[in-house]
All heavy atoms as atom14 arrays in JSON, in Angstrom:
{
  "sequence": "IVLFCASGTGIYGALTEGMPGDASILISKAILDFFTAAIFATNLGA",
  "atom14_mask": [
    [1, 1, 1, 1, 1, 1, 1, 1, 0, 0, 0, 0, 0, 0],
    [1, 1, 1, 1, 1, 1, 1, 0, 0, 0, 0, 0, 0, 0],
    [1, 1, 1, 1, 1, 1, 1, 1, 0, 0, 0, 0, 0, 0],
    [1, 1, 1, 1, 1, 1, 1, 1, 1, 1, 1, 0, 0, 0],
    [1, 1, 1, 1, 1, 1, 0, 0, 0, 0, 0, 0, 0, 0],
    [1, 1, 1, 1, 1, 0, 0, 0, 0, 0, 0, 0, 0, 0],
    [1, 1, 1, 1, 1, 1, 0, 0, 0, 0, 0, 0, 0, 0],
    [1, 1, 1, 1, 0, 0, 0, 0, 0, 0, 0, 0, 0, 0],
    [1, 1, 1, 1, 1, 1, 1, 0, 0, 0, 0, 0, 0, 0],
    [1, 1, 1, 1, 0, 0, 0, 0, 0, 0, 0, 0, 0, 0],
    [1, 1, 1, 1, 1, 1, 1, 1, 0, 0, 0, 0, 0, 0],
    [1, 1, 1, 1, 1, 1, 1, 1, 1, 1, 1, 1, 0, 0],
    [1, 1, 1, 1, 0, 0, 0, 0, 0, 0, 0, 0, 0, 0],
    [1, 1, 1, 1, 1, 0, 0, 0, 0, 0, 0, 0, 0, 0],
    [1, 1, 1, 1, 1, 1, 1, 1, 0, 0, 0, 0, 0, 0],
    [1, 1, 1, 1, 1, 1, 1, 0, 0, 0, 0, 0, 0, 0],
    [1, 1, 1, 1, 1, 1, 1, 1, 1, 0, 0, 0, 0, 0],
    [1, 1, 1, 1, 0, 0, 0, 0, 0, 0, 0, 0, 0, 0],
    [1, 1, 1, 1, 1, 1, 1, 1, 0, 0, 0, 0, 0, 0],
    [1, 1, 1, 1, 1, 1, 1, 0, 0, 0, 0, 0, 0, 0],
    [1, 1, 1, 1, 0, 0, 0, 0, 0, 0, 0, 0, 0, 0],
    [1, 1, 1, 1, 1, 1, 1, 1, 0, 0, 0, 0, 0, 0],
    [1, 1, 1, 1, 1, 0, 0, 0, 0, 0, 0, 0, 0, 0],
    [1, 1, 1, 1, 1, 1, 0, 0, 0, 0, 0, 0, 0, 0],
    [1, 1, 1, 1, 1, 1, 1, 1, 0, 0, 0, 0, 0, 0],
    [1, 1, 1, 1, 1, 1, 1, 1, 0, 0, 0, 0, 0, 0],
    [1, 1, 1, 1, 1, 1, 1, 1, 0, 0, 0, 0, 0, 0],
    [1, 1, 1, 1, 1, 1, 0, 0, 0, 0, 0, 0, 0, 0],
    [1, 1, 1, 1, 1, 1, 1, 1, 1, 0, 0, 0, 0, 0],
    [1, 1, 1, 1, 1, 0, 0, 0, 0, 0, 0, 0, 0, 0],
    [1, 1, 1, 1, 1, 1, 1, 1, 0, 0, 0, 0, 0, 0],
    [1, 1, 1, 1, 1, 1, 1, 1, 0, 0, 0, 0, 0, 0],
    [1, 1, 1, 1, 1, 1, 1, 1, 0, 0, 0, 0, 0, 0],
    [1, 1, 1, 1, 1, 1, 1, 1, 1, 1, 1, 0, 0, 0],
    [1, 1, 1, 1, 1, 1, 1, 1, 1, 1, 1, 0, 0, 0],
    [1, 1, 1, 1, 1, 1, 1, 0, 0, 0, 0, 0, 0, 0],
    [1, 1, 1, 1, 1, 0, 0, 0, 0, 0, 0, 0, 0, 0],
    [1, 1, 1, 1, 1, 0, 0, 0, 0, 0, 0, 0, 0, 0],
    [1, 1, 1, 1, 1, 1, 1, 1, 0, 0, 0, 0, 0, 0],
    [1, 1, 1, 1, 1, 1, 1, 1, 1, 1, 1, 0, 0, 0],
    [1, 1, 1, 1, 1, 0, 0, 0, 0, 0, 0, 0, 0, 0],
    [1, 1, 1, 1, 1, 1, 1, 0, 0, 0, 0, 0, 0, 0],
    [1, 1, 1, 1, 1, 1, 1, 1, 0, 0, 0, 0, 0, 0],
    [1, 1, 1, 1, 1, 1, 1, 1, 0, 0, 0, 0, 0, 0],
    [1, 1, 1, 1, 0, 0, 0, 0, 0, 0, 0, 0, 0, 0],
    [1, 1, 1, 1, 1, 0, 0, 0, 0, 0, 0, 0, 0, 0]
  ],
  "atom14_positions": [
    [[34.33, 122.84, 96.95], [35.05, 123.99, 97.5], [34.06, 125.06, 97.93], [34.16, 125.63, 99.02], [36.07, 124.55, 96.5], [37.25, 123.58, 96.33], [36.59, 125.91, 96.96], [38.23, 123.98, 95.26], [0.0, 0.0, 0.0], [0.0, 0.0, 0.0], [0.0, 0.0, 0.0], [0.0, 0.0, 0.0], [0.0, 0.0, 0.0], [0.0, 0.0, 0.0]],
    [[33.07, 125.33, 97.07], [32.03, 126.29, 97.42], [31.25, 125.8, 98.63], [30.96, 126.56, 99.58], [31.08, 126.53, 96.23], [29.9, 127.39, 96.65], [31.82, 127.17, 95.07], [0.0, 0.0, 0.0], [0.0, 0.0, 0.0], [0.0, 0.0, 0.0], [0.0, 0.0, 0.0], [0.0, 0.0, 0.0], [0.0, 0.0, 0.0], [0.0, 0.0, 0.0]],
    [[30.9, 124.52, 98.64], [30.1, 123.95, 99.72], [30.78, 124.08, 101.07], [30.17, 124.5, 102.06], [29.82, 122.47, 99.43], [29.04, 121.7, 100.49], [27.63, 122.25, 100.63], [29.0, 120.22, 100.13], [0.0, 0.0, 0.0], [0.0, 0.0, 0.0], [0.0, 0.0, 0.0], [0.0, 0.0, 0.0], [0.0, 0.0, 0.0], [0.0, 0.0, 0.0]],
    [[32.08, 123.75, 101.13], [32.78, 123.74, 102.41], [33.38, 125.1, 102.79], [33.51, 125.4, 103.98], [33.89, 122.69, 102.39], [33.38, 121.27, 102.35], [33.91, 120.37, 101.45], [32.39, 120.85, 103.2], [33.45, 119.05, 101.41], [31.92, 119.55, 103.17], [32.44, 118.65, 102.27], [0.0, 0.0, 0.0], [0.0, 0.0, 0.0], [0.0, 0.0, 0.0]],
    [[33.75, 125.91, 101.8], [34.45, 127.17, 102.11], [33.58, 128.4, 102.04], [33.91, 129.42, 102.65], [35.63, 127.36, 101.14], [36.86, 126.05, 101.21], [0.0, 0.0, 0.0], [0.0, 0.0, 0.0], [0.0, 0.0, 0.0], [0.0, 0.0, 0.0], [0.0, 0.0, 0.0], [0.0, 0.0, 0.0], [0.0, 0.0, 0.0], [0.0, 0.0, 0.0]],
    [[32.49, 128.37, 101.29], [31.72, 129.59, 101.07], [30.23, 129.38, 101.21], [29.44, 130.13, 100.66], [32.03, 130.16, 99.68], [0.0, 0.0, 0.0], [0.0, 0.0, 0.0], [0.0, 0.0, 0.0], [0.0, 0.0, 0.0], [0.0, 0.0, 0.0], [0.0, 0.0, 0.0], [0.0, 0.0, 0.0], [0.0, 0.0, 0.0], [0.0, 0.0, 0.0]],
    [[29.82, 128.37, 101.97], [28.4, 128.13, 102.16], [27.84, 129.14, 103.15], [28.55, 129.64, 104.04], [28.15, 126.71, 102.67], [28.6, 126.58, 104.0], [0.0, 0.0, 0.0], [0.0, 0.0, 0.0], [0.0, 0.0, 0.0], [0.0, 0.0, 0.0], [0.0, 0.0, 0.0], [0.0, 0.0, 0.0], [0.0, 0.0, 0.0], [0.0, 0.0, 0.0]],
    [[26.56, 129.43, 103.02], [25.93, 130.34, 103.97], [26.01, 129.83, 105.4], [26.23, 130.59, 106.34], [0.0, 0.0, 0.0], [0.0, 0.0, 0.0], [0.0, 0.0, 0.0], [0.0, 0.0, 0.0], [0.0, 0.0, 0.0], [0.0, 0.0, 0.0], [0.0, 0.0, 0.0], [0.0, 0.0, 0.0], [0.0, 0.0, 0.0], [0.0, 0.0, 0.0]],
    [[25.87, 128.51, 105.57], [25.93, 127.93, 106.91], [27.3, 128.11, 107.53], [27.43, 128.45, 108.71], [25.6, 126.42, 106.86], [24.36, 126.23, 106.18], [25.51, 125.83, 108.25], [0.0, 0.0, 0.0], [0.0, 0.0, 0.0], [0.0, 0.0, 0.0], [0.0, 0.0, 0.0], [0.0, 0.0, 0.0], [0.0, 0.0, 0.0], [0.0, 0.0, 0.0]],
    [[28.37, 127.92, 106.74], [29.73, 128.07, 107.25], [30.03, 129.5, 107.64], [30.61, 129.77, 108.7], [0.0, 0.0, 0.0], [0.0, 0.0, 0.0], [0.0, 0.0, 0.0], [0.0, 0.0, 0.0], [0.0, 0.0, 0.0], [0.0, 0.0, 0.0], [0.0, 0.0, 0.0], [0.0, 0.0, 0.0], [0.0, 0.0, 0.0], [0.0, 0.0, 0.0]],
    [[29.65, 130.44, 106.77], [29.88, 131.86, 107.05], [29.1, 132.29, 108.29], [29.63, 132.93, 109.19], [29.5, 132.7, 105.83], [30.49, 132.45, 104.68], [29.46, 134.19, 106.18], [30.09, 133.08, 103.38], [0.0, 0.0, 0.0], [0.0, 0.0, 0.0], [0.0, 0.0, 0.0], [0.0, 0.0, 0.0], [0.0, 0.0, 0.0], [0.0, 0.0, 0.0]],
    [[27.84, 131.88, 108.33], [27.0, 132.2, 109.48], [27.58, 131.61, 110.76], [27.66, 132.28, 111.8], [25.6, 131.66, 109.21], [24.7, 131.53, 110.41], [24.41, 132.64, 111.19], [24.14, 130.3, 110.75], [23.57, 132.52, 112.29], [23.31, 130.18, 111.83], [23.02, 131.29, 112.6], [22.2, 131.16, 113.67], [0.0, 0.0, 0.0], [0.0, 0.0, 0.0]],
    [[28.01, 130.35, 110.7], [28.55, 129.69, 111.88], [29.83, 130.32, 112.38], [30.02, 130.51, 113.59], [0.0, 0.0, 0.0], [0.0, 0.0, 0.0], [0.0, 0.0, 0.0], [0.0, 0.0, 0.0], [0.0, 0.0, 0.0], [0.0, 0.0, 0.0], [0.0, 0.0, 0.0], [0.0, 0.0, 0.0], [0.0, 0.0, 0.0], [0.0, 0.0, 0.0]],
    [[30.73, 130.69, 111.46], [32.0, 131.31, 111.86], [31.78, 132.68, 112.48], [32.4, 133.03, 113.5], [32.92, 131.43, 110.64], [0.0, 0.0, 0.0], [0.0, 0.0, 0.0], [0.0, 0.0, 0.0], [0.0, 0.0, 0.0], [0.0, 0.0, 0.0], [0.0, 0.0, 0.0], [0.0, 0.0, 0.0], [0.0, 0.0, 0.0], [0.0, 0.0, 0.0]],
    [[30.88, 133.48, 111.9], [30.59, 134.79, 112.45], [29.89, 134.68, 113.81], [30.16, 135.46, 114.72], [29.72, 135.59, 111.47], [30.4, 136.02, 110.17], [29.39, 136.66, 109.23], [31.56, 136.97, 110.42], [0.0, 0.0, 0.0], [0.0, 0.0, 0.0], [0.0, 0.0, 0.0], [0.0, 0.0, 0.0], [0.0, 0.0, 0.0], [0.0, 0.0, 0.0]],
    [[29.0, 133.7, 113.92], [28.29, 133.5, 115.18], [29.26, 133.09, 116.29], [29.17, 133.58, 117.43], [27.2, 132.43, 115.03], [26.25, 132.87, 114.05], [26.47, 132.19, 116.35], [0.0, 0.0, 0.0], [0.0, 0.0, 0.0], [0.0, 0.0, 0.0], [0.0, 0.0, 0.0], [0.0, 0.0, 0.0], [0.0, 0.0, 0.0], [0.0, 0.0, 0.0]],
    [[30.21, 132.21, 115.98], [31.18, 131.81, 116.99], [32.07, 132.99, 117.36], [32.45, 133.17, 118.53], [32.04, 130.65, 116.5], [33.04, 130.19, 117.56], [33.86, 128.99, 117.15], [33.85, 128.62, 115.95], [34.54, 128.41, 118.02], [0.0, 0.0, 0.0], [0.0, 0.0, 0.0], [0.0, 0.0, 0.0], [0.0, 0.0, 0.0], [0.0, 0.0, 0.0]],
    [[32.43, 133.8, 116.39], [33.31, 134.93, 116.66], [32.65, 136.04, 117.45], [33.33, 136.79, 118.15], [0.0, 0.0, 0.0], [0.0, 0.0, 0.0], [0.0, 0.0, 0.0], [0.0, 0.0, 0.0], [0.0, 0.0, 0.0], [0.0, 0.0, 0.0], [0.0, 0.0, 0.0], [0.0, 0.0, 0.0], [0.0, 0.0, 0.0], [0.0, 0.0, 0.0]],
    [[31.31, 136.16, 117.36], [30.63, 137.24, 118.07], [30.2, 136.83, 119.47], [30.84, 137.21, 120.44], [29.44, 137.74, 117.23], [29.87, 138.5, 115.97], [28.53, 139.42, 115.18], [27.56, 138.07, 114.54], [0.0, 0.0, 0.0], [0.0, 0.0, 0.0], [0.0, 0.0, 0.0], [0.0, 0.0, 0.0], [0.0, 0.0, 0.0], [0.0, 0.0, 0.0]],
    [[29.17, 135.98, 119.63], [28.8, 135.61, 121.0], [29.56, 134.42, 121.54], [29.35, 134.0, 122.66], [27.3, 135.29, 120.87], [27.15, 134.81, 119.49], [28.18, 135.52, 118.65], [0.0, 0.0, 0.0], [0.0, 0.0, 0.0], [0.0, 0.0, 0.0], [0.0, 0.0, 0.0], [0.0, 0.0, 0.0], [0.0, 0.0, 0.0], [0.0, 0.0, 0.0]],
    [[30.45, 133.83, 120.74], [31.22, 132.68, 121.2], [30.44, 131.39, 121.15], [30.78, 130.42, 121.84], [0.0, 0.0, 0.0], [0.0, 0.0, 0.0], [0.0, 0.0, 0.0], [0.0, 0.0, 0.0], [0.0, 0.0, 0.0], [0.0, 0.0, 0.0], [0.0, 0.0, 0.0], [0.0, 0.0, 0.0], [0.0, 0.0, 0.0], [0.0, 0.0, 0.0]],
    [[29.42, 131.32, 120.31], [28.58, 130.13, 120.2], [29.08, 129.26, 119.05], [28.92, 129.59, 117.88], [27.12, 130.56, 119.96], [26.19, 129.38, 119.84], [26.63, 128.24, 120.08], [25.0, 129.59, 119.5], [0.0, 0.0, 0.0], [0.0, 0.0, 0.0], [0.0, 0.0, 0.0], [0.0, 0.0, 0.0], [0.0, 0.0, 0.0], [0.0, 0.0, 0.0]],
    [[29.7, 128.14, 119.39], [30.26, 127.24, 118.39], [29.28, 126.16, 117.95], [29.62, 125.31, 117.13], [31.53, 126.59, 118.92], [0.0, 0.0, 0.0], [0.0, 0.0, 0.0], [0.0, 0.0, 0.0], [0.0, 0.0, 0.0], [0.0, 0.0, 0.0], [0.0, 0.0, 0.0], [0.0, 0.0, 0.0], [0.0, 0.0, 0.0], [0.0, 0.0, 0.0]],
    [[28.07, 126.18, 118.49], [27.13, 125.07, 118.25], [26.77, 124.91, 116.78], [26.58, 123.79, 116.29], [25.86, 125.26, 119.08], [25.18, 126.46, 118.73], [0.0, 0.0, 0.0], [0.0, 0.0, 0.0], [0.0, 0.0, 0.0], [0.0, 0.0, 0.0], [0.0, 0.0, 0.0], [0.0, 0.0, 0.0], [0.0, 0.0, 0.0], [0.0, 0.0, 0.0]],
    [[26.65, 126.03, 116.04], [26.29, 125.94, 114.62], [27.38, 125.21, 113.85], [27.11, 124.3, 113.06], [26.05, 127.34, 114.02], [24.84, 128.01, 114.7], [25.83, 127.24, 112.51], [23.54, 127.28, 114.48], [0.0, 0.0, 0.0], [0.0, 0.0, 0.0], [0.0, 0.0, 0.0], [0.0, 0.0, 0.0], [0.0, 0.0, 0.0], [0.0, 0.0, 0.0]],
    [[28.64, 125.6, 114.05], [29.73, 124.96, 113.32], [29.93, 123.51, 113.76], [30.27, 122.66, 112.94], [31.03, 125.74, 113.52], [31.18, 127.02, 112.69], [32.52, 127.68, 112.97], [31.04, 126.73, 111.2], [0.0, 0.0, 0.0], [0.0, 0.0, 0.0], [0.0, 0.0, 0.0], [0.0, 0.0, 0.0], [0.0, 0.0, 0.0], [0.0, 0.0, 0.0]],
    [[29.71, 123.22, 115.03], [29.84, 121.84, 115.5], [28.75, 120.97, 114.88], [29.01, 119.84, 114.44], [29.79, 121.77, 117.04], [31.05, 122.43, 117.62], [29.69, 120.32, 117.51], [31.03, 122.56, 119.13], [0.0, 0.0, 0.0], [0.0, 0.0, 0.0], [0.0, 0.0, 0.0], [0.0, 0.0, 0.0], [0.0, 0.0, 0.0], [0.0, 0.0, 0.0]],
    [[27.53, 121.5, 114.81], [26.45, 120.76, 114.15], [26.75, 120.59, 112.66], [26.53, 119.51, 112.08], [25.12, 121.5, 114.33], [24.78, 121.59, 115.69], [0.0, 0.0, 0.0], [0.0, 0.0, 0.0], [0.0, 0.0, 0.0], [0.0, 0.0, 0.0], [0.0, 0.0, 0.0], [0.0, 0.0, 0.0], [0.0, 0.0, 0.0], [0.0, 0.0, 0.0]],
    [[27.26, 121.65, 112.05], [27.62, 121.6, 110.63], [28.74, 120.58, 110.41], [28.78, 119.9, 109.38], [28.06, 122.97, 110.15], [28.52, 123.03, 108.69], [28.88, 124.45, 108.31], [29.36, 124.54, 106.87], [30.68, 123.9, 106.67], [0.0, 0.0, 0.0], [0.0, 0.0, 0.0], [0.0, 0.0, 0.0], [0.0, 0.0, 0.0], [0.0, 0.0, 0.0]],
    [[29.65, 120.45, 111.39], [30.77, 119.52, 111.25], [30.29, 118.09, 111.1], [30.89, 117.28, 110.37], [31.7, 119.64, 112.46], [0.0, 0.0, 0.0], [0.0, 0.0, 0.0], [0.0, 0.0, 0.0], [0.0, 0.0, 0.0], [0.0, 0.0, 0.0], [0.0, 0.0, 0.0], [0.0, 0.0, 0.0], [0.0, 0.0, 0.0], [0.0, 0.0, 0.0]],
    [[29.2, 117.76, 111.79], [28.64, 116.4, 111.68], [28.19, 116.15, 110.25], [28.49, 115.1, 109.65], [27.48, 116.21, 112.67], [27.98, 116.37, 114.11], [26.83, 114.85, 112.48], [26.89, 116.39, 115.14], [0.0, 0.0, 0.0], [0.0, 0.0, 0.0], [0.0, 0.0, 0.0], [0.0, 0.0, 0.0], [0.0, 0.0, 0.0], [0.0, 0.0, 0.0]],
    [[27.47, 117.12, 109.68], [27.03, 117.0, 108.29], [28.23, 116.97, 107.34], [28.27, 116.18, 106.4], [26.1, 118.15, 107.92], [24.77, 118.26, 108.68], [24.04, 119.52, 108.23], [23.92, 117.04, 108.44], [0.0, 0.0, 0.0], [0.0, 0.0, 0.0], [0.0, 0.0, 0.0], [0.0, 0.0, 0.0], [0.0, 0.0, 0.0], [0.0, 0.0, 0.0]],
    [[29.21, 117.84, 107.6], [30.36, 117.94, 106.7], [31.19, 116.66, 106.69], [31.77, 116.3, 105.66], [31.25, 119.12, 107.11], [30.68, 120.45, 106.65], [29.65, 120.44, 105.96], [31.25, 121.5, 107.01], [0.0, 0.0, 0.0], [0.0, 0.0, 0.0], [0.0, 0.0, 0.0], [0.0, 0.0, 0.0], [0.0, 0.0, 0.0], [0.0, 0.0, 0.0]],
    [[31.27, 115.98, 107.84], [32.03, 114.73, 107.89], [31.46, 113.73, 106.9], [32.19, 113.16, 106.07], [31.99, 114.14, 109.3], [32.59, 112.75, 109.39], [33.96, 112.59, 109.51], [31.78, 111.63, 109.32], [34.52, 111.31, 109.57], [32.32, 110.36, 109.36], [33.7, 110.2, 109.5], [0.0, 0.0, 0.0], [0.0, 0.0, 0.0], [0.0, 0.0, 0.0]],
    [[30.15, 113.51, 106.96], [29.54, 112.52, 106.09], [29.47, 113.01, 104.65], [29.62, 112.22, 103.71], [28.14, 112.16, 106.61], [28.16, 111.42, 107.91], [27.86, 112.07, 109.09], [28.51, 110.08, 107.95], [27.88, 111.38, 110.3], [28.54, 109.38, 109.15], [28.23, 110.03, 110.33], [0.0, 0.0, 0.0], [0.0, 0.0, 0.0], [0.0, 0.0, 0.0]],
    [[29.25, 114.32, 104.46], [29.24, 114.87, 103.1], [30.6, 114.7, 102.45], [30.71, 114.28, 101.29], [28.85, 116.36, 103.13], [27.59, 116.52, 103.77], [28.76, 116.91, 101.72], [0.0, 0.0, 0.0], [0.0, 0.0, 0.0], [0.0, 0.0, 0.0], [0.0, 0.0, 0.0], [0.0, 0.0, 0.0], [0.0, 0.0, 0.0], [0.0, 0.0, 0.0]],
    [[31.66, 115.02, 103.2], [33.02, 114.86, 102.68], [33.31, 113.39, 102.36], [33.94, 113.07, 101.35], [34.04, 115.38, 103.7], [0.0, 0.0, 0.0], [0.0, 0.0, 0.0], [0.0, 0.0, 0.0], [0.0, 0.0, 0.0], [0.0, 0.0, 0.0], [0.0, 0.0, 0.0], [0.0, 0.0, 0.0], [0.0, 0.0, 0.0], [0.0, 0.0, 0.0]],
    [[32.84, 112.51, 103.23], [33.06, 111.08, 103.01], [32.41, 110.61, 101.72], [33.01, 109.86, 100.93], [32.53, 110.28, 104.2], [0.0, 0.0, 0.0], [0.0, 0.0, 0.0], [0.0, 0.0, 0.0], [0.0, 0.0, 0.0], [0.0, 0.0, 0.0], [0.0, 0.0, 0.0], [0.0, 0.0, 0.0], [0.0, 0.0, 0.0], [0.0, 0.0, 0.0]],
    [[31.18, 111.07, 101.49], [30.46, 110.63, 100.29], [31.09, 111.22, 99.03], [31.27, 110.52, 98.02], [28.97, 111.0, 100.4], [28.32, 110.14, 101.48], [28.26, 110.83, 99.07], [26.88, 110.48, 101.76], [0.0, 0.0, 0.0], [0.0, 0.0, 0.0], [0.0, 0.0, 0.0], [0.0, 0.0, 0.0], [0.0, 0.0, 0.0], [0.0, 0.0, 0.0]],
    [[31.47, 112.5, 99.07], [32.15, 113.09, 97.91], [33.48, 112.38, 97.65], [33.88, 112.18, 96.49], [32.41, 114.57, 98.13], [31.25, 115.46, 97.71], [30.52, 116.16, 98.65], [30.92, 115.6, 96.38], [29.47, 116.98, 98.27], [29.88, 116.41, 95.97], [29.13, 117.1, 96.94], [0.0, 0.0, 0.0], [0.0, 0.0, 0.0], [0.0, 0.0, 0.0]],
    [[34.17, 112.01, 98.72], [35.48, 111.38, 98.56], [35.38, 109.98, 97.95], [36.36, 109.49, 97.4], [36.18, 111.29, 99.92], [0.0, 0.0, 0.0], [0.0, 0.0, 0.0], [0.0, 0.0, 0.0], [0.0, 0.0, 0.0], [0.0, 0.0, 0.0], [0.0, 0.0, 0.0], [0.0, 0.0, 0.0], [0.0, 0.0, 0.0], [0.0, 0.0, 0.0]],
    [[34.21, 109.35, 98.03], [34.07, 108.04, 97.4], [34.27, 108.13, 95.88], [34.66, 107.16, 95.24], [32.68, 107.43, 97.69], [31.67, 108.29, 97.17], [32.49, 107.24, 99.19], [0.0, 0.0, 0.0], [0.0, 0.0, 0.0], [0.0, 0.0, 0.0], [0.0, 0.0, 0.0], [0.0, 0.0, 0.0], [0.0, 0.0, 0.0], [0.0, 0.0, 0.0]],
    [[33.99, 109.31, 95.31], [34.17, 109.53, 93.88], [35.4, 110.37, 93.55], [36.05, 110.15, 92.53], [32.94, 110.21, 93.28], [31.73, 109.29, 93.22], [31.87, 108.09, 92.97], [30.56, 109.84, 93.43], [0.0, 0.0, 0.0], [0.0, 0.0, 0.0], [0.0, 0.0, 0.0], [0.0, 0.0, 0.0], [0.0, 0.0, 0.0], [0.0, 0.0, 0.0]],
    [[35.71, 111.34, 94.43], [36.78, 112.29, 94.13], [38.12, 111.93, 94.76], [39.16, 112.42, 94.34], [36.38, 113.7, 94.57], [35.1, 114.26, 93.94], [34.79, 115.62, 94.53], [35.23, 114.35, 92.43], [0.0, 0.0, 0.0], [0.0, 0.0, 0.0], [0.0, 0.0, 0.0], [0.0, 0.0, 0.0], [0.0, 0.0, 0.0], [0.0, 0.0, 0.0]],
    [[38.09, 111.14, 95.81], [39.33, 110.74, 96.44], [39.86, 111.75, 97.44], [39.13, 112.56, 98.0], [0.0, 0.0, 0.0], [0.0, 0.0, 0.0], [0.0, 0.0, 0.0], [0.0, 0.0, 0.0], [0.0, 0.0, 0.0], [0.0, 0.0, 0.0], [0.0, 0.0, 0.0], [0.0, 0.0, 0.0], [0.0, 0.0, 0.0], [0.0, 0.0, 0.0]],
    [[41.19, 111.72, 97.64], [41.84, 112.47, 98.72], [41.78, 113.98, 98.54], [42.05, 114.72, 99.5], [43.3, 112.04, 98.83], [0.0, 0.0, 0.0], [0.0, 0.0, 0.0], [0.0, 0.0, 0.0], [0.0, 0.0, 0.0], [0.0, 0.0, 0.0], [0.0, 0.0, 0.0], [0.0, 0.0, 0.0], [0.0, 0.0, 0.0], [0.0, 0.0, 0.0]]
  ]
}
């Protein structure tokens, strides 16, 4: 929950997209988050 909801990268990416409209940080983070979520889900489930 901390990793996905309150990480420095997520906060930085959301603020960056909201200010200059640059979504690249969050889109790059999404690639990492997809695989990170997949690996955590192998143990934690849905």
